[in-house]
Full PDB file with SEQRES, HELIX, SHEET, SSBOND, CRYST1, ORIGX, SCALE, CONECT and MASTER records, all heavy atoms in Angstrom:
SEQRES   1 A   42  ASP PHE VAL SER GLY PRO ARG VAL ILE ASN ALA GLU THR          
SEQRES   2 A   42  LYS ALA ARG MET LYS ASP ILE LEU SER GLU ILE GLN ASP          
SEQRES   3 A   42  GLY THR PHE ILE GLN HIS TRP VAL ALA GLU TYR ASP ALA          
SEQRES   4 A   42  GLY LEU PRO                                                  
HELIX    1 AA1 GLY A    5  VAL A    8  1                                   4    
HELIX    2 AA2 ALA A   11  GLN A   25  1                                  15    
HELIX    3 AA3 THR A   28  ASP A   38  1                                  11    
CRYST1    1.000    1.000    1.000  90.00  90.00  90.00 P 1           1          
ORIGX1      1.000000  0.000000  0.000000        0.00000                         
ORIGX2      0.000000  1.000000  0.000000        0.00000                         
ORIGX3      0.000000  0.000000  1.000000        0.00000                         
SCALE1      1.000000  0.000000  0.000000        0.00000                         
SCALE2      0.000000  1.000000  0.000000        0.00000                         
SCALE3      0.000000  0.000000  1.000000        0.00000                         
ATOM      1  N   ASP A   1      10.473  31.558 -15.467  1.00  0.00           N  
ATOM      2  CA  ASP A   1      10.464  31.515 -16.934  1.00  0.00           C  
ATOM      3  C   ASP A   1      11.898  31.480 -17.461  1.00  0.00           C  
ATOM      4  O   ASP A   1      12.263  30.627 -18.282  1.00  0.00           O  
ATOM      5  CB  ASP A   1       9.719  32.759 -17.434  1.00  0.00           C  
ATOM      6  CG  ASP A   1       9.741  32.951 -18.945  1.00  0.00           C  
ATOM      7  OD1 ASP A   1      10.647  32.441 -19.621  1.00  0.00           O  
ATOM      8  OD2 ASP A   1       8.850  33.651 -19.453  1.00  0.00           O  
ATOM      9  N   PHE A   2      12.730  32.396 -16.961  1.00  0.00           N  
ATOM     10  CA  PHE A   2      14.086  32.539 -17.482  1.00  0.00           C  
ATOM     11  C   PHE A   2      14.955  31.304 -17.241  1.00  0.00           C  
ATOM     12  O   PHE A   2      15.718  30.899 -18.112  1.00  0.00           O  
ATOM     13  CB  PHE A   2      14.763  33.761 -16.850  1.00  0.00           C  
ATOM     14  CG  PHE A   2      14.017  35.049 -17.058  1.00  0.00           C  
ATOM     15  CD1 PHE A   2      14.077  36.065 -16.097  1.00  0.00           C  
ATOM     16  CD2 PHE A   2      13.257  35.269 -18.198  1.00  0.00           C  
ATOM     17  CE1 PHE A   2      13.399  37.256 -16.281  1.00  0.00           C  
ATOM     18  CE2 PHE A   2      12.565  36.461 -18.387  1.00  0.00           C  
ATOM     19  CZ  PHE A   2      12.639  37.456 -17.423  1.00  0.00           C  
ATOM     20  N   VAL A   3      14.844  30.712 -16.038  1.00  0.00           N  
ATOM     21  CA  VAL A   3      15.768  29.618 -15.697  1.00  0.00           C  
ATOM     22  C   VAL A   3      15.214  28.236 -16.027  1.00  0.00           C  
ATOM     23  O   VAL A   3      15.991  27.294 -16.241  1.00  0.00           O  
ATOM     24  CB  VAL A   3      16.161  29.671 -14.201  1.00  0.00           C  
ATOM     25  CG1 VAL A   3      16.850  30.992 -13.884  1.00  0.00           C  
ATOM     26  CG2 VAL A   3      14.959  29.453 -13.293  1.00  0.00           C  
ATOM     27  N   SER A   4      13.884  28.091 -16.076  1.00  0.00           N  
ATOM     28  CA  SER A   4      13.309  26.756 -16.281  1.00  0.00           C  
ATOM     29  C   SER A   4      12.780  26.528 -17.688  1.00  0.00           C  
ATOM     30  O   SER A   4      12.796  25.388 -18.178  1.00  0.00           O  
ATOM     31  CB  SER A   4      12.181  26.507 -15.276  1.00  0.00           C  
ATOM     32  OG  SER A   4      12.677  26.549 -13.954  1.00  0.00           O  
ATOM     33  N   GLY A   5      12.311  27.591 -18.341  1.00  0.00           N  
ATOM     34  CA  GLY A   5      11.801  27.439 -19.702  1.00  0.00           C  
ATOM     35  C   GLY A   5      12.788  26.764 -20.637  1.00  0.00           C  
ATOM     36  O   GLY A   5      12.451  25.795 -21.328  1.00  0.00           O  
ATOM     37  N   PRO A   6      14.065  27.212 -20.672  1.00  0.00           N  
ATOM     38  CA  PRO A   6      15.047  26.595 -21.560  1.00  0.00           C  
ATOM     39  C   PRO A   6      15.390  25.154 -21.192  1.00  0.00           C  
ATOM     40  O   PRO A   6      15.990  24.439 -22.007  1.00  0.00           O  
ATOM     41  CB  PRO A   6      16.278  27.510 -21.388  1.00  0.00           C  
ATOM     42  CG  PRO A   6      15.713  28.824 -20.931  1.00  0.00           C  
ATOM     43  CD  PRO A   6      14.573  28.453 -20.040  1.00  0.00           C  
ATOM     44  N   ARG A   7      15.040  24.727 -19.976  1.00  0.00           N  
ATOM     45  CA  ARG A   7      15.291  23.331 -19.603  1.00  0.00           C  
ATOM     46  C   ARG A   7      14.190  22.409 -20.146  1.00  0.00           C  
ATOM     47  O   ARG A   7      14.430  21.227 -20.388  1.00  0.00           O  
ATOM     48  CB  ARG A   7      15.376  23.205 -18.080  1.00  0.00           C  
ATOM     49  CG  ARG A   7      16.529  23.984 -17.466  1.00  0.00           C  
ATOM     50  CD  ARG A   7      16.431  23.991 -15.957  1.00  0.00           C  
ATOM     51  NE  ARG A   7      16.552  22.651 -15.389  1.00  0.00           N  
ATOM     52  CZ  ARG A   7      16.282  22.356 -14.118  1.00  0.00           C  
ATOM     53  NH1 ARG A   7      15.855  23.315 -13.295  1.00  0.00           N  
ATOM     54  NH2 ARG A   7      16.425  21.131 -13.676  1.00  0.00           N  
ATOM     55  N   VAL A   8      13.006  22.972 -20.308  1.00  0.00           N  
ATOM     56  CA  VAL A   8      11.890  22.191 -20.854  1.00  0.00           C  
ATOM     57  C   VAL A   8      11.928  22.196 -22.378  1.00  0.00           C  
ATOM     58  O   VAL A   8      11.817  21.157 -23.031  1.00  0.00           O  
ATOM     59  CB  VAL A   8      10.538  22.759 -20.361  1.00  0.00           C  
ATOM     60  CG1 VAL A   8       9.377  22.000 -20.992  1.00  0.00           C  
ATOM     61  CG2 VAL A   8      10.461  22.696 -18.842  1.00  0.00           C  
ATOM     62  N   ILE A   9      12.076  23.373 -22.943  1.00  0.00           N  
ATOM     63  CA  ILE A   9      12.178  23.520 -24.396  1.00  0.00           C  
ATOM     64  C   ILE A   9      13.625  23.880 -24.698  1.00  0.00           C  
ATOM     65  O   ILE A   9      14.039  25.037 -24.583  1.00  0.00           O  
ATOM     66  CB  ILE A   9      11.226  24.619 -24.926  1.00  0.00           C  
ATOM     67  CG1 ILE A   9       9.800  24.371 -24.433  1.00  0.00           C  
ATOM     68  CG2 ILE A   9      11.289  24.688 -26.444  1.00  0.00           C  
ATOM     69  CD1 ILE A   9       9.187  23.067 -24.910  1.00  0.00           C  
ATOM     70  N   ASN A  10      14.404  22.888 -25.091  1.00  0.00           N  
ATOM     71  CA  ASN A  10      15.846  23.081 -25.254  1.00  0.00           C  
ATOM     72  C   ASN A  10      16.282  22.806 -26.693  1.00  0.00           C  
ATOM     73  O   ASN A  10      15.455  22.694 -27.601  1.00  0.00           O  
ATOM     74  CB  ASN A  10      16.610  22.188 -24.271  1.00  0.00           C  
ATOM     75  CG  ASN A  10      16.198  20.724 -24.400  1.00  0.00           C  
ATOM     76  OD1 ASN A  10      15.699  20.298 -25.445  1.00  0.00           O  
ATOM     77  ND2 ASN A  10      16.393  19.963 -23.336  1.00  0.00           N  
ATOM     78  N   ALA A  11      17.578  22.686 -26.894  1.00  0.00           N  
ATOM     79  CA  ALA A  11      18.111  22.470 -28.240  1.00  0.00           C  
ATOM     80  C   ALA A  11      17.590  21.171 -28.850  1.00  0.00           C  
ATOM     81  O   ALA A  11      17.355  21.090 -30.065  1.00  0.00           O  
ATOM     82  CB  ALA A  11      19.640  22.456 -28.191  1.00  0.00           C  
ATOM     83  N   GLU A  12      17.409  20.156 -28.004  1.00  0.00           N  
ATOM     84  CA  GLU A  12      16.882  18.887 -28.504  1.00  0.00           C  
ATOM     85  C   GLU A  12      15.443  19.056 -28.995  1.00  0.00           C  
ATOM     86  O   GLU A  12      15.057  18.495 -30.025  1.00  0.00           O  
ATOM     87  CB  GLU A  12      16.939  17.821 -27.404  1.00  0.00           C  
ATOM     88  CG  GLU A  12      16.507  16.446 -27.877  1.00  0.00           C  
ATOM     89  CD  GLU A  12      16.610  15.394 -26.790  1.00  0.00           C  
ATOM     90  OE1 GLU A  12      17.165  15.700 -25.712  1.00  0.00           O  
ATOM     91  OE2 GLU A  12      16.122  14.269 -27.012  1.00  0.00           O  
ATOM     92  N   THR A  13      14.654  19.830 -28.258  1.00  0.00           N  
ATOM     93  CA  THR A  13      13.278  20.104 -28.675  1.00  0.00           C  
ATOM     94  C   THR A  13      13.271  20.821 -30.022  1.00  0.00           C  
ATOM     95  O   THR A  13      12.486  20.489 -30.913  1.00  0.00           O  
ATOM     96  CB  THR A  13      12.562  20.977 -27.634  1.00  0.00           C  
ATOM     97  OG1 THR A  13      12.733  20.417 -26.338  1.00  0.00           O  
ATOM     98  CG2 THR A  13      11.083  21.097 -27.957  1.00  0.00           C  
ATOM     99  N   LYS A  14      14.133  21.806 -30.167  1.00  0.00           N  
ATOM    100  CA  LYS A  14      14.202  22.551 -31.425  1.00  0.00           C  
ATOM    101  C   LYS A  14      14.628  21.644 -32.573  1.00  0.00           C  
ATOM    102  O   LYS A  14      14.135  21.788 -33.714  1.00  0.00           O  
ATOM    103  CB  LYS A  14      15.174  23.719 -31.280  1.00  0.00           C  
ATOM    104  CG  LYS A  14      15.135  24.689 -32.446  1.00  0.00           C  
ATOM    105  CD  LYS A  14      15.990  25.911 -32.174  1.00  0.00           C  
ATOM    106  CE  LYS A  14      15.976  26.870 -33.354  1.00  0.00           C  
ATOM    107  NZ  LYS A  14      16.814  28.080 -33.098  1.00  0.00           N  
ATOM    108  N   ALA A  15      15.511  20.686 -32.292  1.00  0.00           N  
ATOM    109  CA  ALA A  15      15.932  19.735 -33.330  1.00  0.00           C  
ATOM    110  C   ALA A  15      14.746  18.886 -33.790  1.00  0.00           C  
ATOM    111  O   ALA A  15      14.602  18.593 -34.985  1.00  0.00           O  
ATOM    112  CB  ALA A  15      17.056  18.841 -32.803  1.00  0.00           C  
ATOM    113  N   ARG A  16      13.875  18.485 -32.823  1.00  0.00           N  
ATOM    114  CA  ARG A  16      12.671  17.715 -33.189  1.00  0.00           C  
ATOM    115  C   ARG A  16      11.729  18.582 -34.016  1.00  0.00           C  
ATOM    116  O   ARG A  16      11.062  18.099 -34.928  1.00  0.00           O  
ATOM    117  CB  ARG A  16      11.965  17.212 -31.938  1.00  0.00           C  
ATOM    118  CG  ARG A  16      12.750  16.296 -31.026  1.00  0.00           C  
ATOM    119  CD  ARG A  16      13.029  14.918 -31.635  1.00  0.00           C  
ATOM    120  NE  ARG A  16      14.080  14.949 -32.642  1.00  0.00           N  
ATOM    121  CZ  ARG A  16      15.380  15.067 -32.371  1.00  0.00           C  
ATOM    122  NH1 ARG A  16      15.784  15.168 -31.109  1.00  0.00           N  
ATOM    123  NH2 ARG A  16      16.276  15.076 -33.346  1.00  0.00           N  
ATOM    124  N   MET A  17      11.668  19.874 -33.689  1.00  0.00           N  
ATOM    125  CA  MET A  17      10.842  20.787 -34.474  1.00  0.00           C  
ATOM    126  C   MET A  17      11.346  20.864 -35.912  1.00  0.00           C  
ATOM    127  O   MET A  17      10.552  20.891 -36.867  1.00  0.00           O  
ATOM    128  CB  MET A  17      10.850  22.187 -33.847  1.00  0.00           C  
ATOM    129  CG  MET A  17      10.035  22.313 -32.577  1.00  0.00           C  
ATOM    130  SD  MET A  17      10.031  24.041 -31.999  1.00  0.00           S  
ATOM    131  CE  MET A  17       8.772  23.974 -30.722  1.00  0.00           C  
ATOM    132  N   LYS A  18      12.663  20.894 -36.073  1.00  0.00           N  
ATOM    133  CA  LYS A  18      13.238  20.935 -37.418  1.00  0.00           C  
ATOM    134  C   LYS A  18      12.915  19.661 -38.185  1.00  0.00           C  
ATOM    135  O   LYS A  18      12.682  19.691 -39.405  1.00  0.00           O  
ATOM    136  CB  LYS A  18      14.741  21.153 -37.343  1.00  0.00           C  
ATOM    137  CG  LYS A  18      15.129  22.553 -36.881  1.00  0.00           C  
ATOM    138  CD  LYS A  18      16.643  22.751 -36.878  1.00  0.00           C  
ATOM    139  CE  LYS A  18      17.009  24.179 -36.487  1.00  0.00           C  
ATOM    140  NZ  LYS A  18      18.479  24.395 -36.475  1.00  0.00           N  
ATOM    141  N   ASP A  19      12.892  18.521 -37.477  1.00  0.00           N  
ATOM    142  CA  ASP A  19      12.522  17.253 -38.120  1.00  0.00           C  
ATOM    143  C   ASP A  19      11.075  17.317 -38.613  1.00  0.00           C  
ATOM    144  O   ASP A  19      10.759  16.866 -39.721  1.00  0.00           O  
ATOM    145  CB  ASP A  19      12.665  16.094 -37.136  1.00  0.00           C  
ATOM    146  CG  ASP A  19      14.117  15.780 -36.798  1.00  0.00           C  
ATOM    147  OD1 ASP A  19      15.009  16.219 -37.560  1.00  0.00           O  
ATOM    148  OD2 ASP A  19      14.347  15.126 -35.766  1.00  0.00           O  
ATOM    149  N   ILE A  20      10.201  17.861 -37.759  1.00  0.00           N  
ATOM    150  CA  ILE A  20       8.782  17.993 -38.128  1.00  0.00           C  
ATOM    151  C   ILE A  20       8.641  18.885 -39.350  1.00  0.00           C  
ATOM    152  O   ILE A  20       7.901  18.565 -40.296  1.00  0.00           O  
ATOM    153  CB  ILE A  20       7.977  18.551 -36.944  1.00  0.00           C  
ATOM    154  CG1 ILE A  20       7.893  17.508 -35.824  1.00  0.00           C  
ATOM    155  CG2 ILE A  20       6.581  18.981 -37.376  1.00  0.00           C  
ATOM    156  CD1 ILE A  20       7.346  18.044 -34.519  1.00  0.00           C  
ATOM    157  N   LEU A  21       9.363  20.012 -39.367  1.00  0.00           N  
ATOM    158  CA  LEU A  21       9.300  20.930 -40.498  1.00  0.00           C  
ATOM    159  C   LEU A  21       9.802  20.255 -41.777  1.00  0.00           C  
ATOM    160  O   LEU A  21       9.205  20.406 -42.851  1.00  0.00           O  
ATOM    161  CB  LEU A  21      10.116  22.189 -40.210  1.00  0.00           C  
ATOM    162  CG  LEU A  21      10.141  23.245 -41.327  1.00  0.00           C  
ATOM    163  CD1 LEU A  21       8.732  23.700 -41.682  1.00  0.00           C  
ATOM    164  CD2 LEU A  21      11.000  24.440 -40.915  1.00  0.00           C  
ATOM    165  N   SER A  22      10.873  19.495 -41.670  1.00  0.00           N  
ATOM    166  CA  SER A  22      11.421  18.801 -42.845  1.00  0.00           C  
ATOM    167  C   SER A  22      10.411  17.816 -43.420  1.00  0.00           C  
ATOM    168  O   SER A  22      10.266  17.695 -44.647  1.00  0.00           O  
ATOM    169  CB  SER A  22      12.716  18.068 -42.476  1.00  0.00           C  
ATOM    170  OG  SER A  22      13.740  18.984 -42.138  1.00  0.00           O  
ATOM    171  N   GLU A  23       9.702  17.098 -42.542  1.00  0.00           N  
ATOM    172  CA  GLU A  23       8.710  16.127 -43.001  1.00  0.00           C  
ATOM    173  C   GLU A  23       7.510  16.809 -43.651  1.00  0.00           C  
ATOM    174  O   GLU A  23       6.861  16.232 -44.530  1.00  0.00           O  
ATOM    175  CB  GLU A  23       8.261  15.256 -41.827  1.00  0.00           C  
ATOM    176  CG  GLU A  23       9.346  14.318 -41.336  1.00  0.00           C  
ATOM    177  CD  GLU A  23       8.972  13.596 -40.058  1.00  0.00           C  
ATOM    178  OE1 GLU A  23       7.840  13.810 -39.558  1.00  0.00           O  
ATOM    179  OE2 GLU A  23       9.803  12.814 -39.552  1.00  0.00           O  
ATOM    180  N   ILE A  24       7.223  18.022 -43.218  1.00  0.00           N  
ATOM    181  CA  ILE A  24       6.166  18.804 -43.880  1.00  0.00           C  
ATOM    182  C   ILE A  24       6.651  19.260 -45.250  1.00  0.00           C  
ATOM    183  O   ILE A  24       5.953  19.120 -46.261  1.00  0.00           O  
ATOM    184  CB  ILE A  24       5.778  20.020 -43.015  1.00  0.00           C  
ATOM    185  CG1 ILE A  24       5.063  19.564 -41.740  1.00  0.00           C  
ATOM    186  CG2 ILE A  24       4.892  20.983 -43.804  1.00  0.00           C  
ATOM    187  CD1 ILE A  24       4.862  20.661 -40.708  1.00  0.00           C  
ATOM    188  N   GLN A  25       7.865  19.778 -45.305  1.00  0.00           N  
ATOM    189  CA  GLN A  25       8.403  20.336 -46.544  1.00  0.00           C  
ATOM    190  C   GLN A  25       8.593  19.280 -47.633  1.00  0.00           C  
ATOM    191  O   GLN A  25       8.312  19.542 -48.808  1.00  0.00           O  
ATOM    192  CB  GLN A  25       9.742  21.025 -46.268  1.00  0.00           C  
ATOM    193  CG  GLN A  25       9.636  22.278 -45.413  1.00  0.00           C  
ATOM    194  CD  GLN A  25      10.990  22.804 -44.982  1.00  0.00           C  
ATOM    195  OE1 GLN A  25      11.922  22.033 -44.734  1.00  0.00           O  
ATOM    196  NE2 GLN A  25      11.114  24.122 -44.889  1.00  0.00           N  
ATOM    197  N   ASP A  26       9.069  18.092 -47.257  1.00  0.00           N  
ATOM    198  CA  ASP A  26       9.344  17.082 -48.287  1.00  0.00           C  
ATOM    199  C   ASP A  26       8.131  16.214 -48.631  1.00  0.00           C  
ATOM    200  O   ASP A  26       8.218  15.300 -49.454  1.00  0.00           O  
ATOM    201  CB  ASP A  26      10.535  16.195 -47.888  1.00  0.00           C  
ATOM    202  CG  ASP A  26      10.281  15.329 -46.653  1.00  0.00           C  
ATOM    203  OD1 ASP A  26       9.104  15.095 -46.295  1.00  0.00           O  
ATOM    204  OD2 ASP A  26      11.273  14.864 -46.045  1.00  0.00           O  
ATOM    205  N   GLY A  27       6.989  16.499 -47.993  1.00  0.00           N  
ATOM    206  CA  GLY A  27       5.768  15.781 -48.329  1.00  0.00           C  
ATOM    207  C   GLY A  27       5.511  14.525 -47.522  1.00  0.00           C  
ATOM    208  O   GLY A  27       4.485  13.864 -47.707  1.00  0.00           O  
ATOM    209  N   THR A  28       6.421  14.179 -46.605  1.00  0.00           N  
ATOM    210  CA  THR A  28       6.243  12.962 -45.803  1.00  0.00           C  
ATOM    211  C   THR A  28       4.962  13.019 -44.983  1.00  0.00           C  
ATOM    212  O   THR A  28       4.180  12.058 -44.940  1.00  0.00           O  
ATOM    213  CB  THR A  28       7.444  12.751 -44.870  1.00  0.00           C  
ATOM    214  OG1 THR A  28       8.637  12.606 -45.648  1.00  0.00           O  
ATOM    215  CG2 THR A  28       7.253  11.499 -44.008  1.00  0.00           C  
ATOM    216  N   PHE A  29       4.733  14.153 -44.322  1.00  0.00           N  
ATOM    217  CA  PHE A  29       3.538  14.264 -43.487  1.00  0.00           C  
ATOM    218  C   PHE A  29       2.270  14.096 -44.304  1.00  0.00           C  
ATOM    219  O   PHE A  29       1.369  13.342 -43.919  1.00  0.00           O  
ATOM    220  CB  PHE A  29       3.500  15.612 -42.762  1.00  0.00           C  
ATOM    221  CG  PHE A  29       2.158  15.896 -42.137  1.00  0.00           C  
ATOM    222  CD1 PHE A  29       1.767  15.258 -40.961  1.00  0.00           C  
ATOM    223  CD2 PHE A  29       1.245  16.755 -42.745  1.00  0.00           C  
ATOM    224  CE1 PHE A  29       0.511  15.478 -40.402  1.00  0.00           C  
ATOM    225  CE2 PHE A  29      -0.007  16.989 -42.192  1.00  0.00           C  
ATOM    226  CZ  PHE A  29      -0.375  16.343 -41.009  1.00  0.00           C  
ATOM    227  N   ILE A  30       2.169  14.789 -45.439  1.00  0.00           N  
ATOM    228  CA  ILE A  30       0.925  14.724 -46.210  1.00  0.00           C  
ATOM    229  C   ILE A  30       0.721  13.339 -46.801  1.00  0.00           C  
ATOM    230  O   ILE A  30      -0.417  12.856 -46.920  1.00  0.00           O  
ATOM    231  CB  ILE A  30       0.887  15.825 -47.298  1.00  0.00           C  
ATOM    232  CG1 ILE A  30      -0.553  16.029 -47.790  1.00  0.00           C  
ATOM    233  CG2 ILE A  30       1.812  15.508 -48.438  1.00  0.00           C  
ATOM    234  CD1 ILE A  30      -1.503  16.521 -46.727  1.00  0.00           C  
ATOM    235  N   GLN A  31       1.802  12.653 -47.157  1.00  0.00           N  
ATOM    236  CA  GLN A  31       1.676  11.277 -47.650  1.00  0.00           C  
ATOM    237  C   GLN A  31       1.090  10.377 -46.579  1.00  0.00           C  
ATOM    238  O   GLN A  31       0.188   9.563 -46.840  1.00  0.00           O  
ATOM    239  CB  GLN A  31       3.041  10.747 -48.092  1.00  0.00           C  
ATOM    240  CG  GLN A  31       3.582  11.391 -49.364  1.00  0.00           C  
ATOM    241  CD  GLN A  31       5.002  10.964 -49.669  1.00  0.00           C  
ATOM    242  OE1 GLN A  31       5.549  10.062 -49.031  1.00  0.00           O  
ATOM    243  NE2 GLN A  31       5.613  11.626 -50.642  1.00  0.00           N  
ATOM    244  N   HIS A  32       1.589  10.510 -45.351  1.00  0.00           N  
ATOM    245  CA  HIS A  32       1.067   9.709 -44.239  1.00  0.00           C  
ATOM    246  C   HIS A  32      -0.381  10.062 -43.934  1.00  0.00           C  
ATOM    247  O   HIS A  32      -1.199   9.176 -43.649  1.00  0.00           O  
ATOM    248  CB  HIS A  32       1.928   9.923 -42.998  1.00  0.00           C  
ATOM    249  CG  HIS A  32       3.302   9.338 -43.108  1.00  0.00           C  
ATOM    250  ND1 HIS A  32       4.304   9.588 -42.186  1.00  0.00           N  
ATOM    251  CD2 HIS A  32       3.853   8.509 -44.031  1.00  0.00           C  
ATOM    252  CE1 HIS A  32       5.390   8.946 -42.539  1.00  0.00           C  
ATOM    253  NE2 HIS A  32       5.154   8.293 -43.653  1.00  0.00           N  
ATOM    254  N   TRP A  33      -0.706  11.357 -43.993  1.00  0.00           N  
ATOM    255  CA  TRP A  33      -2.065  11.804 -43.669  1.00  0.00           C  
ATOM    256  C   TRP A  33      -3.069  11.303 -44.718  1.00  0.00           C  
ATOM    257  O   TRP A  33      -4.151  10.837 -44.382  1.00  0.00           O  
ATOM    258  CB  TRP A  33      -2.096  13.313 -43.550  1.00  0.00           C  
ATOM    259  CG  TRP A  33      -3.430  13.964 -43.332  1.00  0.00           C  
ATOM    260  CD1 TRP A  33      -3.836  15.141 -43.867  1.00  0.00           C  
ATOM    261  CD2 TRP A  33      -4.520  13.531 -42.499  1.00  0.00           C  
ATOM    262  NE1 TRP A  33      -5.105  15.470 -43.440  1.00  0.00           N  
ATOM    263  CE2 TRP A  33      -5.555  14.482 -42.594  1.00  0.00           C  
ATOM    264  CE3 TRP A  33      -4.726  12.416 -41.694  1.00  0.00           C  
ATOM    265  CZ2 TRP A  33      -6.774  14.369 -41.932  1.00  0.00           C  
ATOM    266  CZ3 TRP A  33      -5.945  12.295 -41.010  1.00  0.00           C  
ATOM    267  CH2 TRP A  33      -6.948  13.259 -41.142  1.00  0.00           C  
ATOM    268  N   VAL A  34      -2.701  11.375 -45.986  1.00  0.00           N  
ATOM    269  CA  VAL A  34      -3.592  10.882 -47.042  1.00  0.00           C  
ATOM    270  C   VAL A  34      -3.800   9.376 -46.900  1.00  0.00           C  
ATOM    271  O   VAL A  34      -4.929   8.874 -47.022  1.00  0.00           O  
ATOM    272  CB  VAL A  34      -3.020  11.221 -48.438  1.00  0.00           C  
ATOM    273  CG1 VAL A  34      -3.808  10.508 -49.537  1.00  0.00           C  
ATOM    274  CG2 VAL A  34      -3.063  12.732 -48.673  1.00  0.00           C  
ATOM    275  N   ALA A  35      -2.724   8.644 -46.632  1.00  0.00           N  
ATOM    276  CA  ALA A  35      -2.840   7.192 -46.458  1.00  0.00           C  
ATOM    277  C   ALA A  35      -3.715   6.856 -45.255  1.00  0.00           C  
ATOM    278  O   ALA A  35      -4.530   5.928 -45.306  1.00  0.00           O  
ATOM    279  CB  ALA A  35      -1.448   6.580 -46.292  1.00  0.00           C  
ATOM    280  N   GLU A  36      -3.553   7.612 -44.173  1.00  0.00           N  
ATOM    281  CA  GLU A  36      -4.364   7.395 -42.973  1.00  0.00           C  
ATOM    282  C   GLU A  36      -5.840   7.667 -43.263  1.00  0.00           C  
ATOM    283  O   GLU A  36      -6.719   6.892 -42.859  1.00  0.00           O  
ATOM    284  CB  GLU A  36      -3.873   8.323 -41.857  1.00  0.00           C  
ATOM    285  CG  GLU A  36      -4.707   8.330 -40.588  1.00  0.00           C  
ATOM    286  CD  GLU A  36      -4.603   7.047 -39.780  1.00  0.00           C  
ATOM    287  OE1 GLU A  36      -3.676   6.244 -40.037  1.00  0.00           O  
ATOM    288  OE2 GLU A  36      -5.449   6.838 -38.892  1.00  0.00           O  
ATOM    289  N   TYR A  37      -6.112   8.732 -43.968  1.00  0.00           N  
ATOM    290  CA  TYR A  37      -7.495   9.101 -44.296  1.00  0.00           C  
ATOM    291  C   TYR A  37      -8.137   8.044 -45.194  1.00  0.00           C  
ATOM    292  O   TYR A  37      -9.270   7.615 -44.959  1.00  0.00           O  
ATOM    293  CB  TYR A  37      -7.519  10.464 -44.975  1.00  0.00           C  
ATOM    294  CG  TYR A  37      -8.903  11.024 -45.169  1.00  0.00           C  
ATOM    295  CD1 TYR A  37      -9.525  11.759 -44.159  1.00  0.00           C  
ATOM    296  CD2 TYR A  37      -9.597  10.820 -46.358  1.00  0.00           C  
ATOM    297  CE1 TYR A  37     -10.798  12.274 -44.326  1.00  0.00           C  
ATOM    298  CE2 TYR A  37     -10.873  11.326 -46.539  1.00  0.00           C  
ATOM    299  CZ  TYR A  37     -11.470  12.057 -45.517  1.00  0.00           C  
ATOM    300  OH  TYR A  37     -12.736  12.553 -45.701  1.00  0.00           O  
ATOM    301  N   ASP A  38      -7.387   7.619 -46.212  1.00  0.00           N  
ATOM    302  CA  ASP A  38      -7.916   6.625 -47.149  1.00  0.00           C  
ATOM    303  C   ASP A  38      -8.145   5.268 -46.487  1.00  0.00           C  
ATOM    304  O   ASP A  38      -8.988   4.484 -46.934  1.00  0.00           O  
ATOM    305  CB  ASP A  38      -6.962   6.457 -48.339  1.00  0.00           C  
ATOM    306  CG  ASP A  38      -6.949   7.681 -49.252  1.00  0.00           C  
ATOM    307  OD1 ASP A  38      -7.884   8.501 -49.146  1.00  0.00           O  
ATOM    308  OD2 ASP A  38      -6.004   7.814 -50.054  1.00  0.00           O  
ATOM    309  N   ALA A  39      -7.403   4.988 -45.413  1.00  0.00           N  
ATOM    310  CA  ALA A  39      -7.546   3.710 -44.700  1.00  0.00           C  
ATOM    311  C   ALA A  39      -8.698   3.731 -43.696  1.00  0.00           C  
ATOM    312  O   ALA A  39      -8.952   2.730 -43.019  1.00  0.00           O  
ATOM    313  CB  ALA A  39      -6.242   3.362 -43.993  1.00  0.00           C  
ATOM    314  N   GLY A  40      -9.388   4.849 -43.590  1.00  0.00           N  
ATOM    315  CA  GLY A  40     -10.505   4.932 -42.651  1.00  0.00           C  
ATOM    316  C   GLY A  40     -10.154   5.526 -41.302  1.00  0.00           C  
ATOM    317  O   GLY A  40     -10.915   5.384 -40.340  1.00  0.00           O  
ATOM    318  N   LEU A  41      -8.976   6.158 -41.179  1.00  0.00           N  
ATOM    319  CA  LEU A  41      -8.546   6.870 -39.969  1.00  0.00           C  
ATOM    320  C   LEU A  41      -8.364   5.977 -38.735  1.00  0.00           C  
ATOM    321  O   LEU A  41      -8.694   6.390 -37.616  1.00  0.00           O  
ATOM    322  CB  LEU A  41      -9.552   7.980 -39.625  1.00  0.00           C  
ATOM    323  CG  LEU A  41      -9.833   9.006 -40.722  1.00  0.00           C  
ATOM    324  CD1 LEU A  41     -10.969   9.941 -40.311  1.00  0.00           C  
ATOM    325  CD2 LEU A  41      -8.583   9.813 -41.038  1.00  0.00           C  
ATOM    326  N   PRO A  42      -7.792   4.777 -38.861  1.00  0.00           N  
ATOM    327  CA  PRO A  42      -7.636   3.918 -37.683  1.00  0.00           C  
ATOM    328  C   PRO A  42      -6.738   4.499 -36.603  1.00  0.00           C  
ATOM    329  O   PRO A  42      -7.076   4.466 -35.412  1.00  0.00           O  
ATOM    330  CB  PRO A  42      -7.045   2.622 -38.272  1.00  0.00           C  
ATOM    331  CG  PRO A  42      -6.372   3.065 -39.537  1.00  0.00           C  
ATOM    332  CD  PRO A  42      -7.236   4.149 -40.074  1.00  0.00           C  
TER     333      PRO A  42                                                      
MASTER        0    0    0    3    0    0    0    6  332    1    0    4          
END                                                                             
């Protein structure tokens, strides 16, 4: 856990998490989800 966990989930992973959070906060995710739902969920 100690030596391998940080190699799998690293600073780059955390940066992607921050990107995901930003897209939730600014409404990007919900805009995409509403458009996907309205299009019939392809």
